[in-house]
Amino acid sequence: MLKNKTIFTLSVVAAAITLSACQPKQAEPKKEDKVAQSQAAQAEVLTLAGDTEKLTLNLPQCDGNSCPEINVERLSSNQAFIDEFIDQQVLKQLDQILDISPKLLKTEQQVVTTASRNSKDLNPAQAFEAAASETIETPKQKLEKQVAPYLQTFLSLDKELKALSANHQISLMIKPKILNAGQPLATVVLNSSSYLGGAHGSSSQYYYNFDLKKKKLVELDDILAPKQKAVLKQKAHEEFKRWVIDSKLANSVEEYEQAWKFTLSDNFYLSTQGLILQYGEYEIGPYVVGLPRLTIPYEQLQTVLKKEYLPQAELKNDAASASTPIANKARS
């Protein structure tokens, strides 16, 4: 009996070993799969993705239709270097819009300097304890502190206008937006508008283009082929002339340019239609024309822009047209 049990047990063990040996091994990831995953991860890194976040700016309680309005937003994306750059541009816009008192800026700088000195005066143990008790400042909170002096100036202006019995509702808005995610350039547009009393308000639109791989700002000269800036200026001037005539701004371009000379803007954006040159108020026209823009189609820029900044379709068409004479010659 014991012998039969032993034989049965050995048979069960042998069967279990056989079954486990027959189980298919888990396939290891193929080299191609690993490469594809790596490329997908790299593509994600080289893409600008994110949204805007509104700064928390404390306004006094106010009722009625003349309450001041201010809305400042910042970019919060997966590219920290772009977020930091746009934050600085937001501050520059505020500096241009509001005539801030140097005293306010000086006070803000003194607060930061005093806090820094106080932390240096502490012994290591006290410094560690103080650092541990402080909350980590987010980029949004940092920008809110930097915007604070401008907010004070904005509210002071509102009080001055109301003291003069001016029934104006002053307003200010600054907001960035992602236009291109990264091919061939990542582009962020910074829009601003303001009304601070007077006859009319003001607005602006600035484009900022970035090379995500090199982590750098790309300027107009960077996308031009060698010695092509003069050619671009000539083509832009032709678009300017067409714009003047089509908009019926004057009887002739010569007459118009007596007051508003053409200049080449370095505020650019690579759109689907072509190279856009954006202008500000009063740059190439009176206030009534707003924010003019000139669009130069890519077919006119085949030798002007560097190849990497031309749409792929344009490059293919250019290559096809270049090969056509050769094919015809071969047939003959």
Protein backbone atom coordinates (compact mmCIF):
# COMPACT_ATOMS: atom_id res chain seq x y z
CA MET A 1 0.00 0.00 0.00
CA LEU A 2 2.78 2.39 0.96
CA LYS A 3 4.58 1.51 -2.23
CA ASN A 4 1.48 2.40 -4.31
CA LYS A 5 1.15 5.79 -2.52
CA THR A 6 4.80 6.55 -3.20
CA ILE A 7 4.45 5.71 -6.87
CA PHE A 8 1.28 7.90 -7.09
CA THR A 9 3.03 10.86 -5.44
CA LEU A 10 6.02 10.59 -7.75
CA SER A 11 3.67 10.49 -10.75
CA VAL A 12 1.90 13.70 -9.64
CA VAL A 13 5.23 15.52 -9.16
CA ALA A 14 6.49 14.38 -12.55
CA ALA A 15 3.28 15.54 -14.21
CA ALA A 16 3.55 18.96 -12.54
CA ILE A 17 7.16 19.35 -13.73
CA THR A 18 6.15 18.37 -17.24
CA LEU A 19 3.27 20.89 -17.32
CA SER A 20 5.45 23.73 -16.04
CA ALA A 21 8.08 22.95 -18.66
CA CYS A 22 5.43 23.11 -21.38
CA GLN A 23 4.25 26.61 -20.35
CA PRO A 24 5.33 29.24 -22.92
CA LYS A 25 7.98 31.65 -21.66
CA GLN A 26 7.00 35.33 -21.39
CA ALA A 27 8.27 36.99 -24.53
CA GLU A 28 10.92 39.62 -23.91
CA PRO A 29 10.31 43.03 -25.49
CA LYS A 30 11.74 43.18 -28.97
CA LYS A 31 14.50 45.66 -29.72
CA GLU A 32 12.17 47.41 -32.18
CA ASP A 33 9.54 47.86 -29.44
CA LYS A 34 12.10 49.39 -27.10
CA VAL A 35 13.23 51.81 -29.82
CA ALA A 36 9.61 52.77 -30.57
CA GLN A 37 8.91 53.39 -26.89
CA SER A 38 12.05 55.51 -26.58
CA GLN A 39 11.11 57.56 -29.65
CA ALA A 40 7.58 58.07 -28.32
CA ALA A 41 8.94 59.26 -24.98
CA GLN A 42 11.37 61.63 -26.72
CA ALA A 43 8.56 62.99 -28.94
CA GLU A 44 6.49 63.69 -25.84
CA VAL A 45 9.38 65.61 -24.28
CA LEU A 46 9.80 67.63 -27.49
CA THR A 47 6.15 68.73 -27.45
CA LEU A 48 4.84 71.81 -25.69
CA ALA A 49 1.72 70.91 -23.72
CA GLY A 50 -0.04 72.78 -20.96
CA ASP A 51 -2.59 75.42 -20.11
CA THR A 52 -2.85 78.80 -18.45
CA GLU A 53 -3.52 79.50 -14.79
CA LYS A 54 -5.06 82.69 -13.47
CA LEU A 55 -3.14 84.66 -10.85
CA THR A 56 -4.92 85.32 -7.58
CA LEU A 57 -5.04 89.11 -7.30
CA ASN A 58 -6.99 90.57 -4.40
CA LEU A 59 -9.26 93.42 -5.44
CA PRO A 60 -11.26 95.55 -2.99
CA GLN A 61 -14.99 95.00 -2.76
CA CYS A 62 -16.84 97.07 -5.32
CA ASP A 63 -20.39 97.42 -6.61
CA GLY A 64 -21.54 99.01 -9.83
CA ASN A 65 -20.44 99.24 -13.43
CA SER A 66 -17.20 101.13 -12.86
CA CYS A 67 -15.34 98.53 -10.79
CA PRO A 68 -11.73 97.96 -11.95
CA GLU A 69 -11.04 94.66 -13.67
CA ILE A 70 -7.65 92.97 -13.90
CA ASN A 71 -6.92 89.51 -15.21
CA VAL A 72 -3.34 88.20 -15.45
CA GLU A 73 -2.60 84.61 -16.42
CA ARG A 74 0.60 82.62 -16.72
CA LEU A 75 1.62 79.58 -18.72
CA SER A 76 1.88 76.25 -16.88
CA SER A 77 3.37 73.68 -19.25
CA ASN A 78 5.69 70.69 -19.42
CA GLN A 79 8.56 73.01 -20.47
CA ALA A 80 9.76 74.91 -17.39
CA PHE A 81 12.19 77.11 -19.33
CA ILE A 82 9.32 78.42 -21.48
CA ASP A 83 7.11 79.05 -18.45
CA GLU A 84 9.88 81.09 -16.80
CA PHE A 85 10.49 83.08 -19.98
CA ILE A 86 6.78 83.89 -20.43
CA ASP A 87 6.55 84.94 -16.77
CA GLN A 88 9.24 87.54 -17.44
CA GLN A 89 7.39 88.74 -20.54
CA VAL A 90 4.22 89.14 -18.48
CA LEU A 91 6.13 91.41 -16.10
CA LYS A 92 7.56 93.39 -19.04
CA GLN A 93 4.05 93.90 -20.40
CA LEU A 94 2.86 95.16 -17.03
CA ASP A 95 5.82 97.50 -16.89
CA GLN A 96 4.92 98.94 -20.30
CA ILE A 97 1.21 99.29 -19.51
CA LEU A 98 1.48 100.70 -15.96
CA ASP A 99 3.72 103.58 -14.98
CA ILE A 100 4.76 101.91 -11.75
CA SER A 101 6.28 103.94 -8.95
CA PRO A 102 10.00 103.15 -8.44
CA LYS A 103 9.28 103.37 -4.71
CA LEU A 104 6.96 100.36 -4.89
CA LEU A 105 9.54 98.28 -6.72
CA LYS A 106 12.23 99.36 -4.27
CA THR A 107 10.03 98.36 -1.31
CA GLU A 108 9.40 94.94 -2.84
CA GLN A 109 13.13 94.42 -3.41
CA GLN A 110 13.92 95.50 0.17
CA VAL A 111 11.48 92.93 1.56
CA VAL A 112 13.20 90.16 -0.41
CA THR A 113 16.69 91.39 0.56
CA THR A 114 15.79 91.67 4.27
CA ALA A 115 14.37 88.16 4.31
CA SER A 116 17.53 86.86 2.65
CA ARG A 117 19.79 88.63 5.19
CA ASN A 118 17.76 87.39 8.13
CA SER A 119 18.12 83.81 6.95
CA LYS A 120 21.91 84.27 6.67
CA ASP A 121 22.13 85.56 10.27
CA LEU A 122 20.68 82.33 11.66
CA ASN A 123 22.91 79.50 12.84
CA PRO A 124 22.69 76.23 10.84
CA ALA A 125 20.14 74.64 13.19
CA GLN A 126 17.91 77.74 13.18
CA ALA A 127 18.24 78.09 9.41
CA PHE A 128 17.21 74.46 8.93
CA GLU A 129 14.21 74.93 11.22
CA ALA A 130 13.17 78.14 9.45
CA ALA A 131 13.48 76.50 6.03
CA ALA A 132 11.43 73.52 7.18
CA SER A 133 8.67 75.79 8.50
CA GLU A 134 8.40 77.69 5.21
CA THR A 135 6.16 76.34 2.49
CA ILE A 136 7.68 75.76 -0.94
CA GLU A 137 6.83 78.68 -3.23
CA THR A 138 5.27 77.67 -6.53
CA PRO A 139 6.02 79.56 -9.79
CA LYS A 140 2.47 80.95 -9.65
CA GLN A 141 2.95 82.29 -6.11
CA LYS A 142 6.31 83.78 -7.08
CA LEU A 143 4.77 85.64 -10.01
CA GLU A 144 1.87 86.83 -7.86
CA LYS A 145 4.37 88.48 -5.49
CA GLN A 146 6.14 90.14 -8.43
CA VAL A 147 2.83 91.40 -9.83
CA ALA A 148 1.75 92.88 -6.46
CA PRO A 149 3.38 96.34 -6.99
CA TYR A 150 1.68 96.64 -10.38
CA LEU A 151 -1.66 95.77 -8.81
CA GLN A 152 -1.18 98.57 -6.26
CA THR A 153 -0.44 101.03 -9.07
CA PHE A 154 -3.51 99.85 -11.00
CA LEU A 155 -5.78 100.37 -7.98
CA SER A 156 -4.21 103.76 -7.19
CA LEU A 157 -4.96 104.88 -10.74
CA ASP A 158 -8.58 103.79 -10.31
CA LYS A 159 -8.87 105.92 -7.14
CA GLU A 160 -7.35 108.95 -8.89
CA LEU A 161 -9.83 108.70 -11.78
CA LYS A 162 -12.79 108.35 -9.43
CA ALA A 163 -11.55 111.35 -7.42
CA LEU A 164 -11.73 113.34 -10.65
CA SER A 165 -15.35 112.19 -11.06
CA ALA A 166 -14.37 110.18 -14.10
CA ASN A 167 -16.93 107.43 -14.54
CA HIS A 168 -14.48 105.10 -16.27
CA GLN A 169 -14.09 101.38 -15.74
CA ILE A 170 -10.40 100.66 -16.12
CA SER A 171 -9.32 97.18 -17.12
CA LEU A 172 -6.21 95.16 -17.84
CA MET A 173 -5.76 91.68 -19.30
CA ILE A 174 -2.63 89.63 -20.07
CA LYS A 175 -2.94 86.05 -21.26
CA PRO A 176 -0.55 83.60 -22.99
CA LYS A 177 -1.68 80.79 -25.31
CA ILE A 178 0.09 77.86 -26.99
CA LEU A 179 -0.22 78.05 -30.79
CA ASN A 180 2.31 75.47 -32.02
CA ALA A 181 3.21 72.37 -30.01
CA GLY A 182 6.69 71.95 -31.45
CA GLN A 183 6.91 71.32 -35.22
CA PRO A 184 8.98 73.00 -36.47
CA LEU A 185 8.85 75.47 -33.58
CA ALA A 186 6.85 75.65 -30.38
CA THR A 187 5.02 78.98 -30.36
CA VAL A 188 3.37 80.91 -27.54
CA VAL A 189 1.41 84.08 -28.17
CA LEU A 190 1.07 86.67 -25.42
CA ASN A 191 -2.03 88.83 -25.77
CA SER A 192 -2.68 91.95 -23.74
CA SER A 193 -5.34 94.64 -23.66
CA SER A 194 -5.93 97.55 -21.34
CA TYR A 195 -8.10 100.59 -20.84
CA LEU A 196 -6.77 103.09 -18.32
CA GLY A 197 -9.01 106.03 -19.11
CA GLY A 198 -8.66 108.41 -22.01
CA ALA A 199 -10.00 108.22 -25.54
CA HIS A 200 -9.43 104.51 -26.14
CA GLY A 201 -7.71 101.40 -24.90
CA SER A 202 -4.59 99.61 -26.07
CA SER A 203 -3.68 96.08 -27.09
CA SER A 204 -0.67 94.03 -28.17
CA GLN A 205 0.18 90.59 -29.51
CA TYR A 206 3.65 89.08 -29.27
CA TYR A 207 4.79 85.71 -30.59
CA TYR A 208 7.59 83.74 -28.94
CA ASN A 209 9.08 80.78 -30.81
CA PHE A 210 11.15 78.05 -29.19
CA ASP A 211 13.41 75.20 -30.25
CA LEU A 212 12.49 72.51 -27.71
CA LYS A 213 15.50 70.33 -28.49
CA LYS A 214 17.99 73.14 -27.87
CA LYS A 215 15.79 74.80 -25.23
CA LYS A 216 16.24 78.25 -26.69
CA LEU A 217 14.27 81.18 -28.05
CA VAL A 218 14.33 81.34 -31.87
CA GLU A 219 14.42 84.77 -33.48
CA LEU A 220 13.67 85.85 -37.04
CA ASP A 221 17.32 85.85 -38.11
CA ASP A 222 17.65 82.25 -36.91
CA ILE A 223 15.14 80.88 -39.44
CA LEU A 224 16.50 82.75 -42.47
CA ALA A 225 18.90 81.26 -44.99
CA PRO A 226 22.25 83.09 -45.30
CA LYS A 227 22.04 86.59 -46.80
CA GLN A 228 18.27 86.45 -47.27
CA LYS A 229 17.03 89.14 -44.89
CA ALA A 230 17.04 91.81 -47.60
CA VAL A 231 15.01 89.48 -49.85
CA LEU A 232 12.51 88.90 -47.04
CA LYS A 233 12.23 92.65 -46.47
CA GLN A 234 11.48 93.19 -50.15
CA LYS A 235 8.77 90.50 -50.18
CA ALA A 236 7.26 91.88 -46.97
CA HIS A 237 7.26 95.37 -48.49
CA GLU A 238 5.26 94.06 -51.45
CA GLU A 239 2.69 92.56 -49.04
CA PHE A 240 2.63 95.91 -47.22
CA LYS A 241 1.83 97.74 -50.47
CA ARG A 242 -0.97 95.27 -51.25
CA TRP A 243 -2.37 95.72 -47.74
CA VAL A 244 -2.41 99.54 -48.07
CA ILE A 245 -4.29 99.40 -51.36
CA ASP A 246 -6.72 96.61 -50.39
CA SER A 247 -7.52 98.37 -47.08
CA LYS A 248 -8.02 101.69 -48.93
CA LEU A 249 -5.79 103.50 -46.48
CA ALA A 250 -4.59 106.02 -49.06
CA ASN A 251 -4.82 106.87 -52.75
CA SER A 252 -1.31 105.52 -53.27
CA VAL A 253 1.39 103.70 -51.32
CA GLU A 254 3.74 106.64 -51.81
CA GLU A 255 1.23 108.97 -50.17
CA TYR A 256 0.69 106.54 -47.28
CA GLU A 257 4.42 106.07 -46.65
CA GLN A 258 4.88 109.79 -46.18
CA ALA A 259 3.23 109.30 -42.80
CA TRP A 260 3.74 105.56 -42.16
CA LYS A 261 7.02 104.15 -43.40
CA PHE A 262 7.33 100.40 -43.90
CA THR A 263 9.57 98.52 -41.48
CA LEU A 264 10.35 94.81 -41.18
CA SER A 265 8.89 93.37 -37.99
CA ASP A 266 10.79 90.72 -36.02
CA ASN A 267 7.56 89.62 -34.33
CA PHE A 268 6.82 86.47 -36.36
CA TYR A 269 4.86 83.24 -36.41
CA LEU A 270 5.04 80.23 -38.76
CA SER A 271 1.39 79.64 -39.58
CA THR A 272 -0.18 77.08 -41.91
CA GLN A 273 -0.65 79.82 -44.54
CA GLY A 274 2.87 81.23 -44.42
CA LEU A 275 5.20 83.47 -42.43
CA ILE A 276 3.20 85.98 -40.42
CA LEU A 277 4.82 89.29 -39.51
CA GLN A 278 2.90 90.91 -36.67
CA TYR A 279 2.92 94.65 -36.01
CA GLY A 280 1.92 96.67 -33.01
CA GLU A 281 -0.25 99.76 -32.72
CA TYR A 282 1.12 102.79 -34.59
CA GLU A 283 4.02 100.80 -36.11
CA ILE A 284 2.90 100.91 -39.74
CA GLY A 285 -0.46 102.62 -39.43
CA PRO A 286 -2.79 104.78 -37.33
CA TYR A 287 -4.75 103.46 -34.34
CA VAL A 288 -7.76 102.64 -36.51
CA VAL A 289 -5.91 99.78 -38.29
CA GLY A 290 -5.40 97.99 -34.97
CA LEU A 291 -2.68 95.32 -34.97
CA PRO A 292 -1.73 94.83 -38.64
CA ARG A 293 -0.16 91.61 -39.86
CA LEU A 294 1.44 90.65 -43.16
CA THR A 295 1.36 87.06 -44.40
CA ILE A 296 3.99 85.86 -46.87
CA PRO A 297 3.08 82.50 -48.47
CA TYR A 298 5.61 79.69 -48.20
CA GLU A 299 5.86 79.33 -52.00
CA GLN A 300 7.58 82.75 -51.98
CA LEU A 301 10.00 81.68 -49.27
CA GLN A 302 11.56 78.54 -50.74
CA THR A 303 15.04 80.06 -50.81
CA VAL A 304 14.47 82.58 -48.02
CA LEU A 305 13.77 80.29 -45.08
CA LYS A 306 16.00 77.46 -43.97
CA LYS A 307 14.64 74.10 -45.16
CA GLU A 308 13.77 72.88 -41.67
CA TYR A 309 11.30 75.75 -41.29
CA LEU A 310 9.40 75.08 -44.50
CA PRO A 311 6.35 72.79 -44.48
CA GLN A 312 7.16 69.26 -45.66
CA ALA A 313 4.59 69.50 -48.46
CA GLU A 314 6.37 72.56 -49.82
CA LEU A 315 9.70 70.71 -49.77
CA LYS A 316 8.20 67.74 -51.65
CA ASN A 317 6.66 70.00 -54.28
CA ASP A 318 9.95 71.83 -54.66
CA ALA A 319 11.84 68.54 -55.07
CA ALA A 320 9.28 67.27 -57.61
CA SER A 321 9.48 70.43 -59.73
CA ALA A 322 13.28 70.29 -59.63
CA SER A 323 13.28 66.69 -60.91
CA THR A 324 10.77 67.28 -63.74
CA PRO A 325 13.24 68.79 -66.27
CA ILE A 326 15.59 65.83 -65.74
CA ALA A 327 12.80 63.36 -66.43
CA ASN A 328 11.78 65.19 -69.62
CA LYS A 329 15.36 65.25 -70.78
CA ALA A 330 15.66 61.54 -70.22
CA ARG A 331 12.58 60.92 -72.36
CA SER A 332 14.00 63.01 -75.18
